[in-house]
Amino acid sequence: MSVERIDLERGRVSAQDSYRRLSVDAWLFRPAPKPHAHIRLFCFPYAGVGAAAYRTWPRYFPDGVEVCAVQPPGREGRLQEAPLTRFRDLVDAAAAGLGSHFDRPFALFGHSMGGLLAFEVARTLAARGAALPIHLFVSGRRAPHLSASHPPISHLDHDAFVAEVRRRYDGIPEEVFSNPDLMELLVPTLRADLMALEGYTHVAGAPLECPITAYGGSVDPEATEPEIAAWAPYSRVAFRYHILPGNHFFIQTSRVAVAGDVAKILGALL
């Protein structure tokens, strides 16, 4: 649950304004619309935040790739909606909400909770015989069959919940933690996301018929290198992984490296 430091609230405002201006689709925020792009890259956010987490990503991609940031309920442009607390409901809603946009080659990317969500959306499409992503990118998330290393925390009272999140993820900067208005926006969505994650149960299935690339942080206790490498059996086509400098939120500190690698892979397919 990184909040890109204090940019959380600025991102919330700018994303909501841009969302209203650029897209009529509740599930999508297009930071830089490219209606004629050959490939769409759908980016799923991590727990507690929304599509604004990917607002700078278009700068790293060629003209033929459009970054489409996924906007789940309960944040930014969908703040008036209640966040979903069951992971299966989130998967089904995302697959349905994004389905009409899978009309051209597309790839899925997700960090942390977003990586698991992207994977389960891909599996849902496969089960329905629908179009599959040309590539699945998972970041900062251990392989689905691996159990969580921590006990549940979504049931804790406010103070205990926030304290454990800060200890476990180091994801709430002090300037946000000390601002009651920001915490009032952040905590309910984060709690709902963690409740959904804690209720996730992996069901074994056939490997995906698409390549998978996994990214991990060199000092990330939530997804170690062996846990990142354990994604290998989930693709029948090809698998590779990269370990980058940083903790669980290397997605921020190593953003250029991650986005650049995704851009290189997709650019080769244009």
C-alpha atoms as a PDB file:
ATOM      1  CA  MET A   1       0.000   0.000   0.000  1.00  0.00           C
ATOM      2  CA  SER A   2       2.373   2.715  -1.076  1.00  0.00           C
ATOM      3  CA  VAL A   3       0.840   6.108  -1.586  1.00  0.00           C
ATOM      4  CA  GLU A   4       3.616   7.607  -3.702  1.00  0.00           C
ATOM      5  CA  ARG A   5       4.413   9.642  -0.632  1.00  0.00           C
ATOM      6  CA  ILE A   6       2.246  12.741  -0.299  1.00  0.00           C
ATOM      7  CA  ASP A   7       1.210  12.486  -3.949  1.00  0.00           C
ATOM      8  CA  LEU A   8      -1.686  10.291  -2.787  1.00  0.00           C
ATOM      9  CA  GLU A   9      -4.051  13.193  -2.286  1.00  0.00           C
ATOM     10  CA  ARG A  10      -2.771  15.251  -5.197  1.00  0.00           C
ATOM     11  CA  GLY A  11      -3.115  12.150  -7.346  1.00  0.00           C
ATOM     12  CA  ARG A  12      -6.617  11.577  -6.069  1.00  0.00           C
ATOM     13  CA  VAL A  13      -7.731  15.023  -7.139  1.00  0.00           C
ATOM     14  CA  SER A  14      -5.960  15.076 -10.506  1.00  0.00           C
ATOM     15  CA  ALA A  15      -7.049  11.533 -11.332  1.00  0.00           C
ATOM     16  CA  GLN A  16     -10.662  12.309 -10.519  1.00  0.00           C
ATOM     17  CA  ASP A  17     -10.641  15.434 -12.669  1.00  0.00           C
ATOM     18  CA  SER A  18      -8.910  13.658 -15.545  1.00  0.00           C
ATOM     19  CA  TYR A  19     -11.173  10.652 -15.169  1.00  0.00           C
ATOM     20  CA  ARG A  20     -14.224  12.838 -15.655  1.00  0.00           C
ATOM     21  CA  ARG A  21     -12.663  14.655 -18.575  1.00  0.00           C
ATOM     22  CA  LEU A  22     -11.120  11.782 -20.518  1.00  0.00           C
ATOM     23  CA  SER A  23     -13.200   8.686 -19.941  1.00  0.00           C
ATOM     24  CA  VAL A  24     -16.808   7.700 -19.507  1.00  0.00           C
ATOM     25  CA  ASP A  25     -15.738   4.220 -18.386  1.00  0.00           C
ATOM     26  CA  ALA A  26     -15.874   3.811 -14.625  1.00  0.00           C
ATOM     27  CA  TRP A  27     -13.174   1.136 -14.632  1.00  0.00           C
ATOM     28  CA  LEU A  28     -10.607   3.063 -16.653  1.00  0.00           C
ATOM     29  CA  PHE A  29      -8.461   6.157 -16.336  1.00  0.00           C
ATOM     30  CA  ARG A  30      -6.483   6.987 -19.480  1.00  0.00           C
ATOM     31  CA  PRO A  31      -3.678   9.381 -18.489  1.00  0.00           C
ATOM     32  CA  ALA A  32      -2.763   9.923 -22.160  1.00  0.00           C
ATOM     33  CA  PRO A  33      -5.492   8.590 -24.479  1.00  0.00           C
ATOM     34  CA  LYS A  34      -4.302   6.881 -27.644  1.00  0.00           C
ATOM     35  CA  PRO A  35      -7.471   5.752 -29.433  1.00  0.00           C
ATOM     36  CA  HIS A  36      -5.500   4.264 -32.333  1.00  0.00           C
ATOM     37  CA  ALA A  37      -2.903   2.395 -30.274  1.00  0.00           C
ATOM     38  CA  HIS A  38      -2.249  -1.183 -31.363  1.00  0.00           C
ATOM     39  CA  ILE A  39      -1.836  -2.519 -27.813  1.00  0.00           C
ATOM     40  CA  ARG A  40      -3.559  -1.611 -24.566  1.00  0.00           C
ATOM     41  CA  LEU A  41      -1.762  -2.101 -21.258  1.00  0.00           C
ATOM     42  CA  PHE A  42      -4.178  -2.428 -18.330  1.00  0.00           C
ATOM     43  CA  CYS A  43      -2.465  -1.543 -15.037  1.00  0.00           C
ATOM     44  CA  PHE A  44      -4.027  -2.731 -11.777  1.00  0.00           C
ATOM     45  CA  PRO A  45      -3.239  -0.688  -8.632  1.00  0.00           C
ATOM     46  CA  TYR A  46      -1.980  -2.001  -5.324  1.00  0.00           C
ATOM     47  CA  ALA A  47      -4.046  -2.050  -2.130  1.00  0.00           C
ATOM     48  CA  GLY A  48      -5.474   1.220  -0.874  1.00  0.00           C
ATOM     49  CA  VAL A  49      -4.853   3.337  -3.970  1.00  0.00           C
ATOM     50  CA  GLY A  50      -6.353   3.790  -7.392  1.00  0.00           C
ATOM     51  CA  ALA A  51      -5.547   4.502 -11.004  1.00  0.00           C
ATOM     52  CA  ALA A  52      -3.520   7.629 -10.173  1.00  0.00           C
ATOM     53  CA  ALA A  53      -0.646   5.322  -9.241  1.00  0.00           C
ATOM     54  CA  TYR A  54       0.000   4.945 -12.987  1.00  0.00           C
ATOM     55  CA  ARG A  55      -0.614   8.511 -14.111  1.00  0.00           C
ATOM     56  CA  THR A  56       3.030   9.027 -15.171  1.00  0.00           C
ATOM     57  CA  TRP A  57       3.444   5.697 -16.965  1.00  0.00           C
ATOM     58  CA  PRO A  58       2.517   6.802 -20.513  1.00  0.00           C
ATOM     59  CA  ARG A  59       5.799   8.719 -20.808  1.00  0.00           C
ATOM     60  CA  TYR A  60       7.710   5.422 -20.847  1.00  0.00           C
ATOM     61  CA  PHE A  61       5.788   3.794 -23.708  1.00  0.00           C
ATOM     62  CA  PRO A  62       5.847   4.124 -27.498  1.00  0.00           C
ATOM     63  CA  ASP A  63       2.918   5.603 -29.385  1.00  0.00           C
ATOM     64  CA  GLY A  64       1.575   2.178 -30.246  1.00  0.00           C
ATOM     65  CA  VAL A  65       0.920   1.271 -26.599  1.00  0.00           C
ATOM     66  CA  GLU A  66      -1.854   2.923 -24.568  1.00  0.00           C
ATOM     67  CA  VAL A  67      -1.641   2.814 -20.766  1.00  0.00           C
ATOM     68  CA  CYS A  68      -5.089   2.157 -19.288  1.00  0.00           C
ATOM     69  CA  ALA A  69      -5.041   2.467 -15.505  1.00  0.00           C
ATOM     70  CA  VAL A  70      -7.699   0.330 -13.811  1.00  0.00           C
ATOM     71  CA  GLN A  71      -9.980   2.097 -11.323  1.00  0.00           C
ATOM     72  CA  PRO A  72     -11.686  -0.225  -8.804  1.00  0.00           C
ATOM     73  CA  PRO A  73     -14.677   1.031  -6.794  1.00  0.00           C
ATOM     74  CA  GLY A  74     -14.173   3.137  -3.687  1.00  0.00           C
ATOM     75  CA  ARG A  75     -11.353   5.456  -4.744  1.00  0.00           C
ATOM     76  CA  GLU A  76     -10.677   8.591  -6.773  1.00  0.00           C
ATOM     77  CA  GLY A  77     -13.316   8.918  -9.491  1.00  0.00           C
ATOM     78  CA  ARG A  78     -15.363   6.149  -7.820  1.00  0.00           C
ATOM     79  CA  LEU A  79     -15.068   7.412  -4.271  1.00  0.00           C
ATOM     80  CA  GLN A  80     -18.847   7.450  -3.889  1.00  0.00           C
ATOM     81  CA  GLU A  81     -18.966   3.651  -4.376  1.00  0.00           C
ATOM     82  CA  ALA A  82     -18.270   1.126  -1.649  1.00  0.00           C
ATOM     83  CA  PRO A  83     -15.041  -0.836  -2.150  1.00  0.00           C
ATOM     84  CA  LEU A  84     -15.431  -4.569  -2.686  1.00  0.00           C
ATOM     85  CA  THR A  85     -14.330  -6.817   0.169  1.00  0.00           C
ATOM     86  CA  ARG A  86     -14.449 -10.221  -1.571  1.00  0.00           C
ATOM     87  CA  PHE A  87     -11.630 -10.969  -3.976  1.00  0.00           C
ATOM     88  CA  ARG A  88     -13.803 -13.084  -6.264  1.00  0.00           C
ATOM     89  CA  ASP A  89     -16.297 -10.223  -6.559  1.00  0.00           C
ATOM     90  CA  LEU A  90     -13.460  -7.867  -7.474  1.00  0.00           C
ATOM     91  CA  VAL A  91     -12.185 -10.258 -10.157  1.00  0.00           C
ATOM     92  CA  ASP A  92     -15.615 -10.775 -11.698  1.00  0.00           C
ATOM     93  CA  ALA A  93     -16.434  -7.066 -11.613  1.00  0.00           C
ATOM     94  CA  ALA A  94     -13.109  -6.129 -13.210  1.00  0.00           C
ATOM     95  CA  ALA A  95     -13.441  -8.744 -15.939  1.00  0.00           C
ATOM     96  CA  ALA A  96     -16.953  -7.528 -16.727  1.00  0.00           C
ATOM     97  CA  GLY A  97     -16.110  -3.832 -16.510  1.00  0.00           C
ATOM     98  CA  LEU A  98     -13.053  -4.116 -18.755  1.00  0.00           C
ATOM     99  CA  GLY A  99     -14.416  -6.708 -21.156  1.00  0.00           C
ATOM    100  CA  SER A 100     -15.439  -4.316 -23.915  1.00  0.00           C
ATOM    101  CA  HIS A 101     -11.875  -2.943 -24.020  1.00  0.00           C
ATOM    102  CA  PHE A 102     -10.322  -6.307 -24.829  1.00  0.00           C
ATOM    103  CA  ASP A 103     -11.175  -5.802 -28.514  1.00  0.00           C
ATOM    104  CA  ARG A 104      -7.540  -5.454 -29.583  1.00  0.00           C
ATOM    105  CA  PRO A 105      -4.254  -6.939 -28.363  1.00  0.00           C
ATOM    106  CA  PHE A 106      -3.812  -6.174 -24.668  1.00  0.00           C
ATOM    107  CA  ALA A 107      -1.496  -6.888 -21.767  1.00  0.00           C
ATOM    108  CA  LEU A 108      -2.111  -6.892 -18.013  1.00  0.00           C
ATOM    109  CA  PHE A 109       0.159  -5.436 -15.340  1.00  0.00           C
ATOM    110  CA  GLY A 110      -0.361  -5.316 -11.589  1.00  0.00           C
ATOM    111  CA  HIS A 111       1.686  -4.587  -8.504  1.00  0.00           C
ATOM    112  CA  SER A 112       1.169  -6.398  -5.189  1.00  0.00           C
ATOM    113  CA  MET A 113      -2.588  -6.955  -4.831  1.00  0.00           C
ATOM    114  CA  GLY A 114      -2.922  -5.668  -8.387  1.00  0.00           C
ATOM    115  CA  GLY A 115      -0.660  -8.446  -9.637  1.00  0.00           C
ATOM    116  CA  LEU A 116      -2.884 -11.111  -8.126  1.00  0.00           C
ATOM    117  CA  LEU A 117      -5.964  -9.371  -9.514  1.00  0.00           C
ATOM    118  CA  ALA A 118      -4.457  -9.192 -13.015  1.00  0.00           C
ATOM    119  CA  PHE A 119      -3.622 -12.901 -12.837  1.00  0.00           C
ATOM    120  CA  GLU A 120      -7.122 -13.913 -11.741  1.00  0.00           C
ATOM    121  CA  VAL A 121      -8.711 -11.721 -14.418  1.00  0.00           C
ATOM    122  CA  ALA A 122      -6.544 -13.501 -17.005  1.00  0.00           C
ATOM    123  CA  ARG A 123      -7.644 -16.889 -15.631  1.00  0.00           C
ATOM    124  CA  THR A 124     -11.276 -15.789 -15.739  1.00  0.00           C
ATOM    125  CA  LEU A 125     -10.923 -14.807 -19.397  1.00  0.00           C
ATOM    126  CA  ALA A 126      -9.294 -18.166 -20.154  1.00  0.00           C
ATOM    127  CA  ALA A 127     -12.105 -20.048 -18.417  1.00  0.00           C
ATOM    128  CA  ARG A 128     -14.656 -18.179 -20.515  1.00  0.00           C
ATOM    129  CA  GLY A 129     -12.845 -18.794 -23.767  1.00  0.00           C
ATOM    130  CA  ALA A 130     -12.382 -15.044 -24.202  1.00  0.00           C
ATOM    131  CA  ALA A 131      -9.410 -13.216 -25.673  1.00  0.00           C
ATOM    132  CA  LEU A 132      -6.276 -13.609 -23.550  1.00  0.00           C
ATOM    133  CA  PRO A 133      -3.588 -11.035 -22.793  1.00  0.00           C
ATOM    134  CA  ILE A 134      -0.525 -11.113 -25.016  1.00  0.00           C
ATOM    135  CA  HIS A 135       1.545 -10.806 -21.829  1.00  0.00           C
ATOM    136  CA  LEU A 136       0.931 -10.838 -18.081  1.00  0.00           C
ATOM    137  CA  PHE A 137       3.205  -8.748 -15.863  1.00  0.00           C
ATOM    138  CA  VAL A 138       3.104  -9.317 -12.095  1.00  0.00           C
ATOM    139  CA  SER A 139       5.074  -7.169  -9.675  1.00  0.00           C
ATOM    140  CA  GLY A 140       5.776  -7.387  -5.955  1.00  0.00           C
ATOM    141  CA  ARG A 141       3.490 -10.380  -5.463  1.00  0.00           C
ATOM    142  CA  ARG A 142       4.408 -13.918  -4.435  1.00  0.00           C
ATOM    143  CA  ALA A 143       3.041 -16.757  -6.571  1.00  0.00           C
ATOM    144  CA  PRO A 144      -0.679 -17.415  -5.936  1.00  0.00           C
ATOM    145  CA  HIS A 145      -0.277 -20.814  -4.292  1.00  0.00           C
ATOM    146  CA  LEU A 146       2.056 -19.490  -1.590  1.00  0.00           C
ATOM    147  CA  SER A 147       0.453 -18.715   1.762  1.00  0.00           C
ATOM    148  CA  ALA A 148       0.636 -15.323   3.417  1.00  0.00           C
ATOM    149  CA  SER A 149       3.429 -14.964   5.936  1.00  0.00           C
ATOM    150  CA  HIS A 150       1.411 -12.684   8.264  1.00  0.00           C
ATOM    151  CA  PRO A 151      -1.829 -13.073  10.236  1.00  0.00           C
ATOM    152  CA  PRO A 152      -4.916 -11.113   9.086  1.00  0.00           C
ATOM    153  CA  ILE A 153      -5.190  -7.477  10.159  1.00  0.00           C
ATOM    154  CA  SER A 154      -8.307  -6.155   8.403  1.00  0.00           C
ATOM    155  CA  HIS A 155     -10.432  -6.800  11.515  1.00  0.00           C
ATOM    156  CA  LEU A 156      -8.270  -4.679  13.841  1.00  0.00           C
ATOM    157  CA  ASP A 157      -9.499  -1.382  15.256  1.00  0.00           C
ATOM    158  CA  HIS A 158      -8.336   1.813  13.547  1.00  0.00           C
ATOM    159  CA  ASP A 159      -5.198   2.497  15.579  1.00  0.00           C
ATOM    160  CA  ALA A 160      -4.009  -1.100  15.615  1.00  0.00           C
ATOM    161  CA  PHE A 161      -4.740  -1.490  11.912  1.00  0.00           C
ATOM    162  CA  VAL A 162      -2.791   1.622  10.924  1.00  0.00           C
ATOM    163  CA  ALA A 163       0.124   0.711  13.199  1.00  0.00           C
ATOM    164  CA  GLU A 164       0.388  -2.769  11.699  1.00  0.00           C
ATOM    165  CA  VAL A 165       0.205  -1.457   8.139  1.00  0.00           C
ATOM    166  CA  ARG A 166       3.017   0.991   8.872  1.00  0.00           C
ATOM    167  CA  ARG A 167       5.119  -1.732  10.492  1.00  0.00           C
ATOM    168  CA  ARG A 168       4.479  -4.344   7.826  1.00  0.00           C
ATOM    169  CA  TYR A 169       4.648  -2.284   4.652  1.00  0.00           C
ATOM    170  CA  ASP A 170       6.185   1.047   5.616  1.00  0.00           C
ATOM    171  CA  GLY A 171       3.627   2.427   3.205  1.00  0.00           C
ATOM    172  CA  ILE A 172       2.000   5.393   4.946  1.00  0.00           C
ATOM    173  CA  PRO A 173       4.320   8.415   5.036  1.00  0.00           C
ATOM    174  CA  GLU A 174       4.321  10.527   8.167  1.00  0.00           C
ATOM    175  CA  GLU A 175       2.716  13.508   6.414  1.00  0.00           C
ATOM    176  CA  VAL A 176      -0.281  11.346   5.498  1.00  0.00           C
ATOM    177  CA  PHE A 177      -0.404   9.551   8.853  1.00  0.00           C
ATOM    178  CA  SER A 178      -0.590  12.888  10.658  1.00  0.00           C
ATOM    179  CA  ASN A 179      -3.395  14.243   8.441  1.00  0.00           C
ATOM    180  CA  PRO A 180      -6.818  13.034   9.680  1.00  0.00           C
ATOM    181  CA  ASP A 181      -8.550  13.988   6.417  1.00  0.00           C
ATOM    182  CA  LEU A 182      -6.169  11.908   4.328  1.00  0.00           C
ATOM    183  CA  MET A 183      -6.392   8.982   6.706  1.00  0.00           C
ATOM    184  CA  GLU A 184     -10.178   9.143   6.562  1.00  0.00           C
ATOM    185  CA  LEU A 185      -9.950   8.668   2.791  1.00  0.00           C
ATOM    186  CA  LEU A 186      -7.241   6.038   2.846  1.00  0.00           C
ATOM    187  CA  VAL A 187      -8.056   3.632   5.660  1.00  0.00           C
ATOM    188  CA  PRO A 188     -11.521   2.350   4.593  1.00  0.00           C
ATOM    189  CA  THR A 189     -10.317   1.477   1.090  1.00  0.00           C
ATOM    190  CA  LEU A 190      -7.109  -0.075   2.377  1.00  0.00           C
ATOM    191  CA  ARG A 191      -9.003  -2.113   4.965  1.00  0.00           C
ATOM    192  CA  ALA A 192     -11.443  -3.366   2.314  1.00  0.00           C
ATOM    193  CA  ASP A 193      -8.591  -4.338  -0.020  1.00  0.00           C
ATOM    194  CA  LEU A 194      -6.748  -6.230   2.698  1.00  0.00           C
ATOM    195  CA  MET A 195      -9.979  -7.964   3.695  1.00  0.00           C
ATOM    196  CA  ALA A 196     -10.354  -9.117   0.099  1.00  0.00           C
ATOM    197  CA  LEU A 197      -6.749 -10.317   0.006  1.00  0.00           C
ATOM    198  CA  GLU A 198      -7.041 -12.129   3.316  1.00  0.00           C
ATOM    199  CA  GLY A 199     -10.069 -13.985   2.016  1.00  0.00           C
ATOM    200  CA  TYR A 200      -8.371 -15.075  -1.204  1.00  0.00           C
ATOM    201  CA  THR A 201      -8.143 -18.813  -1.775  1.00  0.00           C
ATOM    202  CA  HIS A 202      -6.049 -20.136  -4.618  1.00  0.00           C
ATOM    203  CA  VAL A 203      -7.674 -22.767  -6.820  1.00  0.00           C
ATOM    204  CA  ALA A 204      -5.335 -24.817  -8.976  1.00  0.00           C
ATOM    205  CA  GLY A 205      -5.875 -24.602 -12.722  1.00  0.00           C
ATOM    206  CA  ALA A 206      -4.231 -24.944 -16.101  1.00  0.00           C
ATOM    207  CA  PRO A 207      -1.258 -22.689 -16.901  1.00  0.00           C
ATOM    208  CA  LEU A 208      -2.029 -19.559 -18.898  1.00  0.00           C
ATOM    209  CA  GLU A 209      -1.433 -19.559 -22.637  1.00  0.00           C
ATOM    210  CA  CYS A 210       0.525 -16.311 -22.459  1.00  0.00           C
ATOM    211  CA  PRO A 211       4.006 -15.293 -21.311  1.00  0.00           C
ATOM    212  CA  ILE A 212       4.455 -14.069 -17.738  1.00  0.00           C
ATOM    213  CA  THR A 213       7.100 -11.651 -16.505  1.00  0.00           C
ATOM    214  CA  ALA A 214       7.456 -11.150 -12.743  1.00  0.00           C
ATOM    215  CA  TYR A 215       9.268  -8.338 -10.922  1.00  0.00           C
ATOM    216  CA  GLY A 216      10.465  -8.291  -7.320  1.00  0.00           C
ATOM    217  CA  GLY A 217      12.272  -5.983  -4.931  1.00  0.00           C
ATOM    218  CA  SER A 218      15.695  -7.008  -3.651  1.00  0.00           C
ATOM    219  CA  VAL A 219      14.736  -6.370  -0.011  1.00  0.00           C
ATOM    220  CA  ASP A 220      10.996  -6.990  -0.182  1.00  0.00           C
ATOM    221  CA  PRO A 221       9.926  -9.257   2.707  1.00  0.00           C
ATOM    222  CA  GLU A 222       6.451  -9.613   1.197  1.00  0.00           C
ATOM    223  CA  ALA A 223       7.668 -11.224  -2.031  1.00  0.00           C
ATOM    224  CA  THR A 224      11.156 -12.715  -1.870  1.00  0.00           C
ATOM    225  CA  GLU A 225      13.108 -13.853  -4.924  1.00  0.00           C
ATOM    226  CA  PRO A 226      12.099 -17.540  -4.523  1.00  0.00           C
ATOM    227  CA  GLU A 227       8.459 -16.455  -4.169  1.00  0.00           C
ATOM    228  CA  ILE A 228       8.736 -14.370  -7.341  1.00  0.00           C
ATOM    229  CA  ALA A 229      10.440 -17.206  -9.221  1.00  0.00           C
ATOM    230  CA  ALA A 230       7.586 -19.514  -8.146  1.00  0.00           C
ATOM    231  CA  TRP A 231       5.352 -17.882 -10.801  1.00  0.00           C
ATOM    232  CA  ALA A 232       7.102 -20.017 -13.447  1.00  0.00           C
ATOM    233  CA  PRO A 233       4.529 -22.873 -13.627  1.00  0.00           C
ATOM    234  CA  TYR A 234       1.667 -20.452 -14.281  1.00  0.00           C
ATOM    235  CA  SER A 235       2.627 -19.900 -17.938  1.00  0.00           C
ATOM    236  CA  ARG A 236       2.644 -22.598 -20.570  1.00  0.00           C
ATOM    237  CA  VAL A 237       4.422 -20.262 -22.990  1.00  0.00           C
ATOM    238  CA  ALA A 238       7.354 -18.474 -21.335  1.00  0.00           C
ATOM    239  CA  PHE A 239       8.404 -17.060 -17.976  1.00  0.00           C
ATOM    240  CA  ARG A 240      11.109 -14.686 -16.820  1.00  0.00           C
ATOM    241  CA  TYR A 241      11.645 -12.623 -13.697  1.00  0.00           C
ATOM    242  CA  HIS A 242      13.678  -9.611 -12.628  1.00  0.00           C
ATOM    243  CA  ILE A 243      14.776  -8.560  -9.144  1.00  0.00           C
ATOM    244  CA  LEU A 244      15.232  -4.801  -8.849  1.00  0.00           C
ATOM    245  CA  PRO A 245      16.686  -2.646  -6.064  1.00  0.00           C
ATOM    246  CA  GLY A 246      14.181  -1.701  -3.387  1.00  0.00           C
ATOM    247  CA  ASN A 247      11.613  -2.867  -0.855  1.00  0.00           C
ATOM    248  CA  HIS A 248       7.968  -3.693  -1.491  1.00  0.00           C
ATOM    249  CA  PHE A 249       7.496  -0.363  -3.234  1.00  0.00           C
ATOM    250  CA  PHE A 250      10.323  -0.691  -5.717  1.00  0.00           C
ATOM    251  CA  ILE A 251       7.492   0.051  -8.154  1.00  0.00           C
ATOM    252  CA  GLN A 252       8.150   3.675  -7.192  1.00  0.00           C
ATOM    253  CA  THR A 253      11.901   3.772  -6.625  1.00  0.00           C
ATOM    254  CA  SER A 254      12.603   1.581  -9.679  1.00  0.00           C
ATOM    255  CA  ARG A 255       9.658   2.814 -11.750  1.00  0.00           C
ATOM    256  CA  VAL A 256      11.771   3.661 -14.797  1.00  0.00           C
ATOM    257  CA  ALA A 257      13.331   0.185 -14.835  1.00  0.00           C
ATOM    258  CA  VAL A 258       9.994  -1.613 -14.442  1.00  0.00           C
ATOM    259  CA  ALA A 259       8.050   0.484 -16.937  1.00  0.00           C
ATOM    260  CA  GLY A 260      10.991   0.463 -19.320  1.00  0.00           C
ATOM    261  CA  ASP A 261      11.168  -3.326 -19.323  1.00  0.00           C
ATOM    262  CA  VAL A 262       7.416  -3.625 -19.934  1.00  0.00           C
ATOM    263  CA  ALA A 263       7.693  -1.056 -22.735  1.00  0.00           C
ATOM    264  CA  LYS A 264      10.561  -2.977 -24.339  1.00  0.00           C
ATOM    265  CA  ILE A 265       8.573  -6.220 -24.350  1.00  0.00           C
ATOM    266  CA  LEU A 266       5.406  -4.670 -25.729  1.00  0.00           C
ATOM    267  CA  GLY A 267       7.272  -2.455 -28.165  1.00  0.00           C
ATOM    268  CA  ALA A 268       8.786  -5.556 -29.750  1.00  0.00           C
ATOM    269  CA  LEU A 269       5.246  -6.796 -30.454  1.00  0.00           C
ATOM    270  CA  LEU A 270       4.099  -3.677 -32.287  1.00  0.00           C
END
